[in-house]
């Protein structure tokens, strides 16, 4: 009776080696695709983080330009009304926009954009 139960795994039966190798290869392919899915998800996240950093540094560039204009060119911070103050494009295809938000305290918001990713920085005087 024991021989009959394990008869399928004996190499004397035609096709048993093929069936066993198919099971093994299928399990290897499933494990490989599961690992590849995890790797692709991590690549997507790292690309998103890279775009986020570029957008943040573009926002920082806008804030630095505002500080430069105030310190070097003597821009009066009390003369702005609501809306856009400065904007610009950077060499790495990112851009920034500095907006006046409020008075007392004076608050500016610098928004950096890169490839549909936006990050902002606030400057208070």
Protein backbone atom coordinates (compact mmCIF):
# COMPACT_ATOMS: atom_id res chain seq x y z
CA UNK A 1 0.00 0.00 0.00
CA UNK A 2 2.87 2.40 0.74
CA UNK A 3 4.31 1.73 -2.70
CA UNK A 4 1.02 2.60 -4.32
CA UNK A 5 0.74 5.88 -2.44
CA UNK A 6 4.17 7.18 -3.52
CA UNK A 7 4.14 5.56 -6.93
CA UNK A 8 3.64 8.94 -8.68
CA UNK A 9 7.00 10.25 -7.45
CA UNK A 10 9.00 7.31 -8.69
CA UNK A 11 10.91 7.94 -11.87
CA UNK A 12 9.55 4.74 -13.34
CA UNK A 13 6.23 6.46 -14.02
CA UNK A 14 6.30 8.41 -17.26
CA UNK A 15 5.90 12.16 -16.76
CA UNK A 16 6.53 12.25 -13.00
CA UNK A 17 9.88 14.00 -13.42
CA UNK A 18 8.25 16.53 -15.73
CA UNK A 19 5.46 17.18 -13.24
CA UNK A 20 7.90 17.59 -10.36
CA UNK A 21 10.11 19.99 -12.32
CA UNK A 22 7.05 22.03 -13.33
CA UNK A 23 6.08 22.42 -9.67
CA UNK A 24 9.58 23.51 -8.73
CA UNK A 25 9.93 25.96 -11.62
CA UNK A 26 6.50 27.44 -10.96
CA UNK A 27 7.38 28.09 -7.34
CA UNK A 28 10.69 29.71 -8.37
CA UNK A 29 8.91 31.98 -10.87
CA UNK A 30 6.32 33.02 -8.25
CA UNK A 31 9.05 33.90 -5.75
CA UNK A 32 10.99 35.83 -8.43
CA UNK A 33 7.95 37.86 -9.49
CA UNK A 34 7.12 38.65 -5.88
CA UNK A 35 10.64 39.96 -5.34
CA UNK A 36 10.52 41.94 -8.58
CA UNK A 37 7.26 43.57 -7.53
CA UNK A 38 8.88 44.76 -4.30
CA UNK A 39 11.90 46.10 -6.16
CA UNK A 40 9.72 47.99 -8.64
CA UNK A 41 7.70 49.54 -5.82
CA UNK A 42 10.91 50.73 -4.15
CA UNK A 43 12.18 52.20 -7.42
CA UNK A 44 8.94 54.11 -7.83
CA UNK A 45 9.18 55.49 -4.29
CA UNK A 46 12.82 56.52 -4.71
CA UNK A 47 11.95 58.39 -7.92
CA UNK A 48 9.18 60.20 -6.06
CA UNK A 49 11.60 61.15 -3.28
CA UNK A 50 14.07 62.51 -5.85
CA UNK A 51 11.39 64.67 -7.46
CA UNK A 52 10.30 65.85 -4.02
CA UNK A 53 13.86 66.92 -3.13
CA UNK A 54 14.19 68.89 -6.37
CA UNK A 55 10.87 70.64 -5.73
CA UNK A 56 11.92 71.45 -2.16
CA UNK A 57 15.26 72.89 -3.26
CA UNK A 58 13.46 74.97 -5.90
CA UNK A 59 11.25 76.38 -3.11
CA UNK A 60 14.39 77.12 -1.11
CA UNK A 61 15.84 78.92 -4.14
CA UNK A 62 12.74 81.13 -4.29
CA UNK A 63 13.05 81.92 -0.59
CA UNK A 64 16.75 82.77 -1.01
CA UNK A 65 15.91 85.07 -3.93
CA UNK A 66 13.39 86.93 -1.77
CA UNK A 67 15.98 87.34 0.99
CA UNK A 68 18.54 88.53 -1.57
CA UNK A 69 16.13 91.11 -3.01
CA UNK A 70 15.27 92.40 0.48
CA UNK A 71 18.89 92.64 1.67
CA UNK A 72 20.70 93.76 -1.48
CA UNK A 73 18.08 95.70 -3.45
CA UNK A 74 16.19 97.15 -0.48
CA UNK A 75 12.74 95.81 -1.37
CA UNK A 76 10.14 97.18 1.04
CA UNK A 77 8.21 94.24 2.44
CA UNK A 78 5.22 96.40 3.40
CA UNK A 79 4.35 97.37 -0.18
CA UNK A 80 3.21 93.95 -1.40
CA UNK A 81 -0.38 93.00 -1.80
CA UNK A 82 -1.75 89.47 -2.07
CA UNK A 83 -0.31 87.54 -4.98
CA UNK A 84 2.81 86.57 -6.81
CA UNK A 85 6.05 88.41 -6.03
CA UNK A 86 8.80 86.44 -7.78
CA UNK A 87 8.94 83.43 -10.04
CA UNK A 88 11.64 81.72 -11.99
CA UNK A 89 12.84 78.59 -13.74
CA UNK A 90 15.98 76.76 -12.72
CA UNK A 91 18.47 74.83 -14.84
CA UNK A 92 17.24 71.42 -13.66
CA UNK A 93 13.72 72.03 -15.11
CA UNK A 94 12.29 73.00 -11.74
CA UNK A 95 10.59 76.30 -10.99
CA UNK A 96 9.62 78.43 -8.01
CA UNK A 97 6.96 80.97 -7.21
CA UNK A 98 7.09 83.31 -4.21
CA UNK A 99 3.73 84.64 -3.00
CA UNK A 100 2.84 87.25 -0.41
CA UNK A 101 0.48 85.69 2.16
CA UNK A 102 -0.13 88.09 5.06
CA UNK A 103 0.92 91.22 6.93
CA UNK A 104 1.73 91.40 10.68
CA UNK A 105 3.68 89.21 10.67
CA UNK A 106 4.78 89.47 7.08
CA UNK A 107 4.63 85.98 5.58
CA UNK A 108 5.79 84.86 2.16
CA UNK A 109 5.31 81.40 0.72
CA UNK A 110 7.76 79.93 -1.78
CA UNK A 111 6.43 76.98 -3.80
CA UNK A 112 8.85 74.81 -5.76
CA UNK A 113 7.66 72.59 -8.60
CA UNK A 114 9.38 69.73 -10.37
CA UNK A 115 7.64 67.18 -12.60
CA UNK A 116 4.16 67.61 -11.03
CA UNK A 117 5.64 67.48 -7.50
CA UNK A 118 5.20 70.60 -5.33
CA UNK A 119 6.86 71.55 -2.05
CA UNK A 120 6.59 74.85 -0.17
CA UNK A 121 8.57 76.92 2.31
CA UNK A 122 7.27 79.85 4.38
CA UNK A 123 9.31 82.91 5.26
CA UNK A 124 8.24 85.13 8.15
CA UNK A 125 9.57 88.62 8.88
